[in-house]
Structure formats: structure tokens, C-alpha cells
Amino acid sequence: MNKLVKTSTFYLIFGLALGVFYREFTKIQDFEGTTQLSVTHTHTLVLGMIMFLIVLLLEKNFNLSQFKQFNQFYIVYNVGLLLSLAMMIFHGTMTVLGTETGPAISGIAGLGHIIMTVGLALLFHSLSKAVKLAQK
């Protein structure tokens, strides 16, 4: 459970730092348009911090870590989330700097979303097994 608290804390700090980065970077660049940087803050806090706080509660109630799929979820979901966030940050930064990004960036971001979805499927598989075990 400590790992989940640390992961949630990491995403809290990262999300807050991204909010500061967005505000200061766009101010320094005198940028007033729309950019993906504006939503990296909330994506990180919700999909990272809040998600892992919820998973912490599920772990406390159902002992999800007893299932190998849960450990797979943890790795796969984090990889997908960090990849998606990295592409959002890159794309948003390039937008502020006035540089076009190619379709490869969108493709990599899409891959991050797919990886996150696989991670969520692993979480729900673990949760399903835990609920069945708890009902016995």
C-alpha cells in the first residue's frame, strides 16, 4: 500500500509542477492561444493522483496485490500514463513555441492511451477476482 501512496504523491507533485510550468512558460512566451499544456495539470492529478488514491482504497478493502494481474496493472498503467503525458507536454510545448508536430506524436499519444486501457483491463480483472473471492 505504501507504493500506492508514493505513486499518488508523485503524480500530485508532477501535476502541480505541470500547472506551474504551463502558467510560467506561456507567460514567458507571451502565448495566449490554446495548447495541450493547459490540461496536463488536470490529467496528471485525476489520472495519476486520484486514480491511485482510489486504487489504494480498493487494495485496502480487497487485497488486490495478491493477484499477479494487479502488479501488471501497476506497471502497464503507469507506462501508458507517463507516455501519454509526455506526448501532451511535448505537443503543448511545441504549440507554444509555434512549431508544428507531425502525426507521429499523435500516434505515440494514442499508443499511450491504448497501454493505459490494457492496464485498466488488468485492474478490473484483479478486482473481479477479488470480489468473487470476497463473496465466498
N, C-alpha and C. Protein backbone atom coordinates (compact mmCIF):
# COMPACT_ATOMS: atom_id res chain seq x y z
N MET A 1 0.82 -1.20 0.00
CA MET A 1 0.00 0.00 0.00
C MET A 1 0.87 1.26 0.00
N ASN A 2 2.03 1.16 0.61
CA ASN A 2 2.93 2.31 0.65
C ASN A 2 3.33 2.74 -0.77
N LYS A 3 3.51 1.74 -1.66
CA LYS A 3 3.87 2.04 -3.05
C LYS A 3 2.77 2.87 -3.71
N LEU A 4 1.52 2.57 -3.41
CA LEU A 4 0.40 3.32 -3.99
C LEU A 4 0.36 4.75 -3.47
N VAL A 5 0.65 4.93 -2.18
CA VAL A 5 0.69 6.28 -1.61
C VAL A 5 1.82 7.08 -2.26
N LYS A 6 2.98 6.46 -2.42
CA LYS A 6 4.11 7.14 -3.05
C LYS A 6 3.82 7.48 -4.50
N THR A 7 3.15 6.58 -5.20
CA THR A 7 2.80 6.84 -6.59
C THR A 7 1.82 8.00 -6.69
N SER A 8 0.82 8.00 -5.83
CA SER A 8 -0.15 9.09 -5.80
C SER A 8 0.54 10.42 -5.49
N THR A 9 1.46 10.40 -4.54
CA THR A 9 2.20 11.60 -4.17
C THR A 9 3.06 12.09 -5.34
N PHE A 10 3.68 11.17 -6.05
CA PHE A 10 4.47 11.54 -7.23
C PHE A 10 3.60 12.30 -8.24
N TYR A 11 2.41 11.74 -8.53
CA TYR A 11 1.54 12.39 -9.51
C TYR A 11 1.00 13.72 -8.99
N LEU A 12 0.82 13.85 -7.69
CA LEU A 12 0.41 15.14 -7.11
C LEU A 12 1.49 16.19 -7.39
N ILE A 13 2.72 15.88 -7.06
CA ILE A 13 3.82 16.83 -7.25
C ILE A 13 4.03 17.12 -8.73
N PHE A 14 3.99 16.08 -9.56
CA PHE A 14 4.16 16.24 -11.00
C PHE A 14 3.04 17.10 -11.59
N GLY A 15 1.80 16.83 -11.17
CA GLY A 15 0.66 17.60 -11.67
C GLY A 15 0.74 19.07 -11.29
N LEU A 16 1.10 19.34 -10.05
CA LEU A 16 1.24 20.73 -9.61
C LEU A 16 2.38 21.42 -10.35
N ALA A 17 3.48 20.71 -10.54
CA ALA A 17 4.61 21.28 -11.29
C ALA A 17 4.21 21.59 -12.74
N LEU A 18 3.40 20.72 -13.33
CA LEU A 18 2.94 20.98 -14.70
C LEU A 18 2.05 22.21 -14.77
N GLY A 19 1.24 22.42 -13.74
CA GLY A 19 0.42 23.62 -13.70
C GLY A 19 1.27 24.88 -13.65
N VAL A 20 2.31 24.86 -12.84
CA VAL A 20 3.23 26.00 -12.75
C VAL A 20 3.97 26.17 -14.08
N PHE A 21 4.42 25.06 -14.66
CA PHE A 21 5.12 25.13 -15.94
C PHE A 21 4.23 25.76 -17.00
N TYR A 22 2.99 25.32 -17.10
CA TYR A 22 2.06 25.88 -18.10
C TYR A 22 1.91 27.38 -17.91
N ARG A 23 1.64 27.79 -16.68
CA ARG A 23 1.41 29.21 -16.41
C ARG A 23 2.65 30.04 -16.74
N GLU A 24 3.79 29.62 -16.25
CA GLU A 24 5.01 30.41 -16.43
C GLU A 24 5.54 30.36 -17.86
N PHE A 25 5.49 29.19 -18.48
CA PHE A 25 6.01 29.05 -19.84
C PHE A 25 5.19 29.87 -20.83
N THR A 26 3.87 29.82 -20.71
CA THR A 26 3.04 30.60 -21.63
C THR A 26 3.18 32.10 -21.36
N LYS A 27 3.40 32.47 -20.10
CA LYS A 27 3.61 33.89 -19.78
C LYS A 27 4.94 34.38 -20.37
N ILE A 28 6.00 33.61 -20.19
CA ILE A 28 7.32 33.98 -20.72
C ILE A 28 7.28 34.08 -22.25
N GLN A 29 6.55 33.17 -22.89
CA GLN A 29 6.47 33.15 -24.35
C GLN A 29 5.40 34.11 -24.89
N ASP A 30 4.69 34.78 -23.98
CA ASP A 30 3.61 35.69 -24.35
C ASP A 30 2.59 34.98 -25.26
N PHE A 31 2.21 33.79 -24.84
CA PHE A 31 1.30 32.93 -25.61
C PHE A 31 -0.09 33.01 -25.02
N GLU A 32 -1.09 33.26 -25.87
CA GLU A 32 -2.46 33.36 -25.39
C GLU A 32 -3.42 32.41 -26.09
N GLY A 33 -2.92 31.51 -26.90
CA GLY A 33 -3.77 30.56 -27.62
C GLY A 33 -4.08 29.33 -26.78
N THR A 34 -4.59 28.32 -27.47
CA THR A 34 -4.87 27.06 -26.78
C THR A 34 -3.72 26.09 -26.99
N THR A 35 -3.46 25.31 -25.98
CA THR A 35 -2.38 24.34 -26.03
C THR A 35 -2.71 23.17 -25.10
N GLN A 36 -2.19 22.01 -25.42
CA GLN A 36 -2.43 20.84 -24.57
C GLN A 36 -1.79 21.00 -23.20
N LEU A 37 -0.86 21.92 -23.07
CA LEU A 37 -0.26 22.16 -21.75
C LEU A 37 -1.30 22.57 -20.72
N SER A 38 -2.39 23.19 -21.19
CA SER A 38 -3.41 23.67 -20.25
C SER A 38 -4.14 22.54 -19.54
N VAL A 39 -4.12 21.35 -20.09
CA VAL A 39 -4.84 20.23 -19.47
C VAL A 39 -3.93 19.15 -18.89
N THR A 40 -2.61 19.31 -19.01
CA THR A 40 -1.72 18.30 -18.44
C THR A 40 -1.81 18.28 -16.92
N HIS A 41 -2.03 19.44 -16.34
CA HIS A 41 -2.17 19.57 -14.89
C HIS A 41 -3.32 18.71 -14.38
N THR A 42 -4.50 18.89 -14.97
CA THR A 42 -5.68 18.14 -14.50
C THR A 42 -5.59 16.67 -14.88
N HIS A 43 -5.07 16.36 -16.05
CA HIS A 43 -4.91 14.95 -16.43
C HIS A 43 -4.01 14.22 -15.44
N THR A 44 -2.93 14.86 -15.06
CA THR A 44 -1.99 14.22 -14.13
C THR A 44 -2.62 14.03 -12.76
N LEU A 45 -3.34 15.05 -12.28
CA LEU A 45 -3.96 14.94 -10.96
C LEU A 45 -5.07 13.89 -10.94
N VAL A 46 -5.88 13.85 -11.98
CA VAL A 46 -7.01 12.91 -11.98
C VAL A 46 -6.56 11.50 -12.34
N LEU A 47 -5.86 11.34 -13.46
CA LEU A 47 -5.47 10.01 -13.92
C LEU A 47 -4.30 9.44 -13.12
N GLY A 48 -3.59 10.28 -12.41
CA GLY A 48 -2.47 9.83 -11.60
C GLY A 48 -2.82 9.83 -10.12
N MET A 49 -2.85 11.01 -9.51
CA MET A 49 -3.05 11.10 -8.07
C MET A 49 -4.37 10.50 -7.61
N ILE A 50 -5.48 10.97 -8.16
CA ILE A 50 -6.79 10.49 -7.70
C ILE A 50 -6.98 9.02 -8.04
N MET A 51 -6.55 8.61 -9.23
CA MET A 51 -6.66 7.20 -9.61
C MET A 51 -5.97 6.30 -8.59
N PHE A 52 -4.75 6.65 -8.20
CA PHE A 52 -4.02 5.78 -7.28
C PHE A 52 -4.53 5.90 -5.84
N LEU A 53 -5.18 7.00 -5.49
CA LEU A 53 -5.85 7.06 -4.19
C LEU A 53 -7.05 6.10 -4.18
N ILE A 54 -7.78 6.04 -5.28
CA ILE A 54 -8.91 5.11 -5.39
C ILE A 54 -8.39 3.67 -5.36
N VAL A 55 -7.32 3.41 -6.10
CA VAL A 55 -6.74 2.06 -6.11
C VAL A 55 -6.25 1.69 -4.71
N LEU A 56 -5.74 2.65 -3.96
CA LEU A 56 -5.31 2.40 -2.58
C LEU A 56 -6.48 1.92 -1.73
N LEU A 57 -7.64 2.56 -1.89
CA LEU A 57 -8.83 2.13 -1.16
C LEU A 57 -9.27 0.72 -1.58
N LEU A 58 -9.19 0.44 -2.87
CA LEU A 58 -9.53 -0.90 -3.35
C LEU A 58 -8.55 -1.94 -2.80
N GLU A 59 -7.29 -1.59 -2.76
CA GLU A 59 -6.27 -2.50 -2.20
C GLU A 59 -6.55 -2.77 -0.72
N LYS A 60 -6.90 -1.73 0.01
CA LYS A 60 -7.19 -1.87 1.44
C LYS A 60 -8.38 -2.80 1.67
N ASN A 61 -9.39 -2.70 0.83
CA ASN A 61 -10.61 -3.48 1.02
C ASN A 61 -10.56 -4.87 0.40
N PHE A 62 -9.83 -5.04 -0.69
CA PHE A 62 -9.86 -6.30 -1.42
C PHE A 62 -8.51 -7.00 -1.56
N ASN A 63 -7.45 -6.40 -1.05
CA ASN A 63 -6.12 -7.00 -1.14
C ASN A 63 -5.79 -7.40 -2.59
N LEU A 64 -5.93 -6.44 -3.48
CA LEU A 64 -5.73 -6.70 -4.91
C LEU A 64 -4.32 -7.16 -5.24
N SER A 65 -3.36 -6.77 -4.44
CA SER A 65 -1.96 -7.10 -4.75
C SER A 65 -1.65 -8.59 -4.65
N GLN A 66 -2.60 -9.37 -4.17
CA GLN A 66 -2.40 -10.82 -4.13
C GLN A 66 -2.47 -11.44 -5.53
N PHE A 67 -2.99 -10.70 -6.48
CA PHE A 67 -3.15 -11.20 -7.85
C PHE A 67 -2.04 -10.64 -8.74
N LYS A 68 -1.48 -11.50 -9.58
CA LYS A 68 -0.38 -11.06 -10.45
C LYS A 68 -0.84 -9.99 -11.44
N GLN A 69 -2.11 -10.02 -11.81
CA GLN A 69 -2.62 -9.02 -12.75
C GLN A 69 -2.58 -7.62 -12.15
N PHE A 70 -2.67 -7.53 -10.83
CA PHE A 70 -2.61 -6.22 -10.19
C PHE A 70 -1.22 -5.61 -10.36
N ASN A 71 -0.21 -6.40 -10.15
CA ASN A 71 1.16 -5.90 -10.32
C ASN A 71 1.43 -5.55 -11.78
N GLN A 72 0.84 -6.31 -12.69
CA GLN A 72 0.95 -5.98 -14.11
C GLN A 72 0.23 -4.67 -14.41
N PHE A 73 -0.96 -4.50 -13.81
CA PHE A 73 -1.69 -3.24 -13.96
C PHE A 73 -0.82 -2.06 -13.56
N TYR A 74 -0.19 -2.18 -12.41
CA TYR A 74 0.59 -1.07 -11.86
C TYR A 74 1.66 -0.62 -12.86
N ILE A 75 2.36 -1.56 -13.42
CA ILE A 75 3.44 -1.23 -14.37
C ILE A 75 2.87 -0.71 -15.68
N VAL A 76 1.93 -1.45 -16.25
CA VAL A 76 1.39 -1.10 -17.57
C VAL A 76 0.67 0.25 -17.53
N TYR A 77 -0.16 0.47 -16.52
CA TYR A 77 -0.90 1.73 -16.43
C TYR A 77 0.05 2.91 -16.29
N ASN A 78 1.05 2.79 -15.44
CA ASN A 78 2.00 3.89 -15.26
C ASN A 78 2.77 4.19 -16.54
N VAL A 79 3.18 3.15 -17.25
CA VAL A 79 3.88 3.36 -18.53
C VAL A 79 2.97 4.10 -19.51
N GLY A 80 1.73 3.66 -19.62
CA GLY A 80 0.80 4.30 -20.54
C GLY A 80 0.51 5.74 -20.16
N LEU A 81 0.31 5.98 -18.87
CA LEU A 81 0.02 7.35 -18.42
C LEU A 81 1.21 8.26 -18.64
N LEU A 82 2.39 7.81 -18.28
CA LEU A 82 3.58 8.66 -18.47
C LEU A 82 3.87 8.92 -19.94
N LEU A 83 3.63 7.92 -20.80
CA LEU A 83 3.82 8.13 -22.23
C LEU A 83 2.81 9.15 -22.76
N SER A 84 1.56 9.02 -22.36
CA SER A 84 0.53 9.97 -22.79
C SER A 84 0.85 11.38 -22.32
N LEU A 85 1.24 11.50 -21.06
CA LEU A 85 1.58 12.82 -20.52
C LEU A 85 2.79 13.42 -21.22
N ALA A 86 3.79 12.59 -21.49
CA ALA A 86 4.99 13.09 -22.17
C ALA A 86 4.63 13.65 -23.55
N MET A 87 3.75 12.97 -24.26
CA MET A 87 3.36 13.45 -25.58
C MET A 87 2.52 14.72 -25.48
N MET A 88 1.67 14.81 -24.47
CA MET A 88 0.89 16.03 -24.26
C MET A 88 1.82 17.21 -23.96
N ILE A 89 2.80 16.97 -23.11
CA ILE A 89 3.75 18.03 -22.75
C ILE A 89 4.56 18.45 -23.98
N PHE A 90 5.04 17.48 -24.73
CA PHE A 90 5.83 17.77 -25.93
C PHE A 90 5.00 18.55 -26.95
N HIS A 91 3.80 18.04 -27.25
CA HIS A 91 2.94 18.69 -28.23
C HIS A 91 2.56 20.09 -27.78
N GLY A 92 2.19 20.22 -26.51
CA GLY A 92 1.81 21.53 -25.98
C GLY A 92 2.96 22.52 -26.01
N THR A 93 4.14 22.06 -25.67
CA THR A 93 5.32 22.94 -25.69
C THR A 93 5.62 23.39 -27.11
N MET A 94 5.54 22.48 -28.06
CA MET A 94 5.78 22.83 -29.46
C MET A 94 4.73 23.83 -29.96
N THR A 95 3.49 23.68 -29.51
CA THR A 95 2.44 24.62 -29.90
C THR A 95 2.77 26.02 -29.39
N VAL A 96 3.17 26.12 -28.14
CA VAL A 96 3.53 27.43 -27.56
C VAL A 96 4.70 28.04 -28.32
N LEU A 97 5.65 27.22 -28.72
CA LEU A 97 6.82 27.71 -29.44
C LEU A 97 6.53 27.98 -30.91
N GLY A 98 5.32 27.63 -31.37
CA GLY A 98 4.94 27.88 -32.75
C GLY A 98 5.46 26.85 -33.74
N THR A 99 5.79 25.68 -33.25
CA THR A 99 6.32 24.61 -34.10
C THR A 99 5.26 23.53 -34.30
N GLU A 100 5.09 23.13 -35.53
CA GLU A 100 4.14 22.05 -35.83
C GLU A 100 4.72 20.70 -35.43
N THR A 101 3.86 19.83 -34.94
CA THR A 101 4.29 18.45 -34.67
C THR A 101 3.61 17.56 -35.70
N GLY A 102 4.27 16.50 -36.05
CA GLY A 102 3.74 15.59 -37.06
C GLY A 102 2.76 14.59 -36.47
N PRO A 103 2.21 13.76 -37.34
CA PRO A 103 1.24 12.76 -36.89
C PRO A 103 1.85 11.69 -35.99
N ALA A 104 3.16 11.56 -35.99
CA ALA A 104 3.80 10.55 -35.14
C ALA A 104 3.54 10.85 -33.66
N ILE A 105 3.50 12.11 -33.30
CA ILE A 105 3.25 12.49 -31.90
C ILE A 105 1.85 12.04 -31.49
N SER A 106 0.88 12.27 -32.35
CA SER A 106 -0.49 11.81 -32.06
C SER A 106 -0.54 10.29 -31.98
N GLY A 107 0.19 9.64 -32.85
CA GLY A 107 0.23 8.17 -32.83
C GLY A 107 0.83 7.63 -31.56
N ILE A 108 1.91 8.25 -31.09
CA ILE A 108 2.54 7.80 -29.84
C ILE A 108 1.61 8.08 -28.66
N ALA A 109 0.94 9.23 -28.68
CA ALA A 109 -0.03 9.53 -27.61
C ALA A 109 -1.16 8.51 -27.62
N GLY A 110 -1.62 8.14 -28.81
CA GLY A 110 -2.65 7.11 -28.92
C GLY A 110 -2.18 5.78 -28.38
N LEU A 111 -0.93 5.46 -28.63
CA LEU A 111 -0.34 4.23 -28.09
C LEU A 111 -0.34 4.28 -26.55
N GLY A 112 -0.03 5.45 -26.00
CA GLY A 112 -0.09 5.61 -24.54
C GLY A 112 -1.47 5.35 -24.00
N HIS A 113 -2.49 5.84 -24.71
CA HIS A 113 -3.87 5.61 -24.29
C HIS A 113 -4.24 4.12 -24.37
N ILE A 114 -3.78 3.47 -25.40
CA ILE A 114 -4.04 2.03 -25.54
C ILE A 114 -3.38 1.26 -24.40
N ILE A 115 -2.15 1.62 -24.08
CA ILE A 115 -1.44 0.95 -22.98
C ILE A 115 -2.17 1.18 -21.67
N MET A 116 -2.66 2.40 -21.44
CA MET A 116 -3.44 2.67 -20.23
C MET A 116 -4.70 1.81 -20.18
N THR A 117 -5.35 1.64 -21.31
CA THR A 117 -6.56 0.82 -21.38
C THR A 117 -6.26 -0.63 -21.03
N VAL A 118 -5.15 -1.14 -21.52
CA VAL A 118 -4.73 -2.50 -21.15
C VAL A 118 -4.51 -2.58 -19.64
N GLY A 119 -3.87 -1.55 -19.09
CA GLY A 119 -3.66 -1.50 -17.64
C GLY A 119 -4.97 -1.51 -16.88
N LEU A 120 -5.94 -0.74 -17.34
CA LEU A 120 -7.25 -0.71 -16.68
C LEU A 120 -7.94 -2.06 -16.77
N ALA A 121 -7.79 -2.74 -17.91
CA ALA A 121 -8.37 -4.08 -18.04
C ALA A 121 -7.76 -5.03 -17.02
N LEU A 122 -6.46 -4.92 -16.80
CA LEU A 122 -5.79 -5.75 -15.79
C LEU A 122 -6.29 -5.42 -14.38
N LEU A 123 -6.52 -4.14 -14.12
CA LEU A 123 -7.06 -3.74 -12.82
C LEU A 123 -8.45 -4.34 -12.61
N PHE A 124 -9.30 -4.23 -13.61
CA PHE A 124 -10.65 -4.76 -13.47
C PHE A 124 -10.66 -6.28 -13.38
N HIS A 125 -9.72 -6.92 -14.04
CA HIS A 125 -9.60 -8.38 -13.91
C HIS A 125 -9.24 -8.75 -12.47
N SER A 126 -8.30 -8.03 -11.90
CA SER A 126 -7.92 -8.26 -10.50
C SER A 126 -9.08 -7.98 -9.57
N LEU A 127 -9.78 -6.89 -9.82
CA LEU A 127 -10.92 -6.52 -8.98
C LEU A 127 -12.02 -7.56 -9.06
N SER A 128 -12.28 -8.07 -10.24
CA SER A 128 -13.30 -9.10 -10.41
C SER A 128 -12.94 -10.36 -9.62
N LYS A 129 -11.68 -10.76 -9.70
CA LYS A 129 -11.23 -11.94 -8.95
C LYS A 129 -11.34 -11.70 -7.44
N ALA A 130 -11.00 -10.51 -7.01
CA ALA A 130 -11.04 -10.19 -5.58
C ALA A 130 -12.47 -10.17 -5.05
N VAL A 131 -13.39 -9.63 -5.84
CA VAL A 131 -14.80 -9.58 -5.41
C VAL A 131 -15.37 -10.99 -5.33
N LYS A 132 -15.06 -11.83 -6.31
CA LYS A 132 -15.52 -13.23 -6.26
C LYS A 132 -14.97 -13.94 -5.03
N LEU A 133 -13.72 -13.69 -4.72
CA LEU A 133 -13.10 -14.31 -3.55
C LEU A 133 -13.74 -13.80 -2.26
N ALA A 134 -14.08 -12.54 -2.22
CA ALA A 134 -14.70 -11.95 -1.02
C ALA A 134 -16.12 -12.46 -0.81
N GLN A 135 -16.80 -12.87 -1.88
CA GLN A 135 -18.18 -13.35 -1.77
C GLN A 135 -18.27 -14.79 -1.30
N LYS A 136 -17.16 -15.49 -1.26
CA LYS A 136 -17.18 -16.90 -0.83
C LYS A 136 -17.30 -17.00 0.67
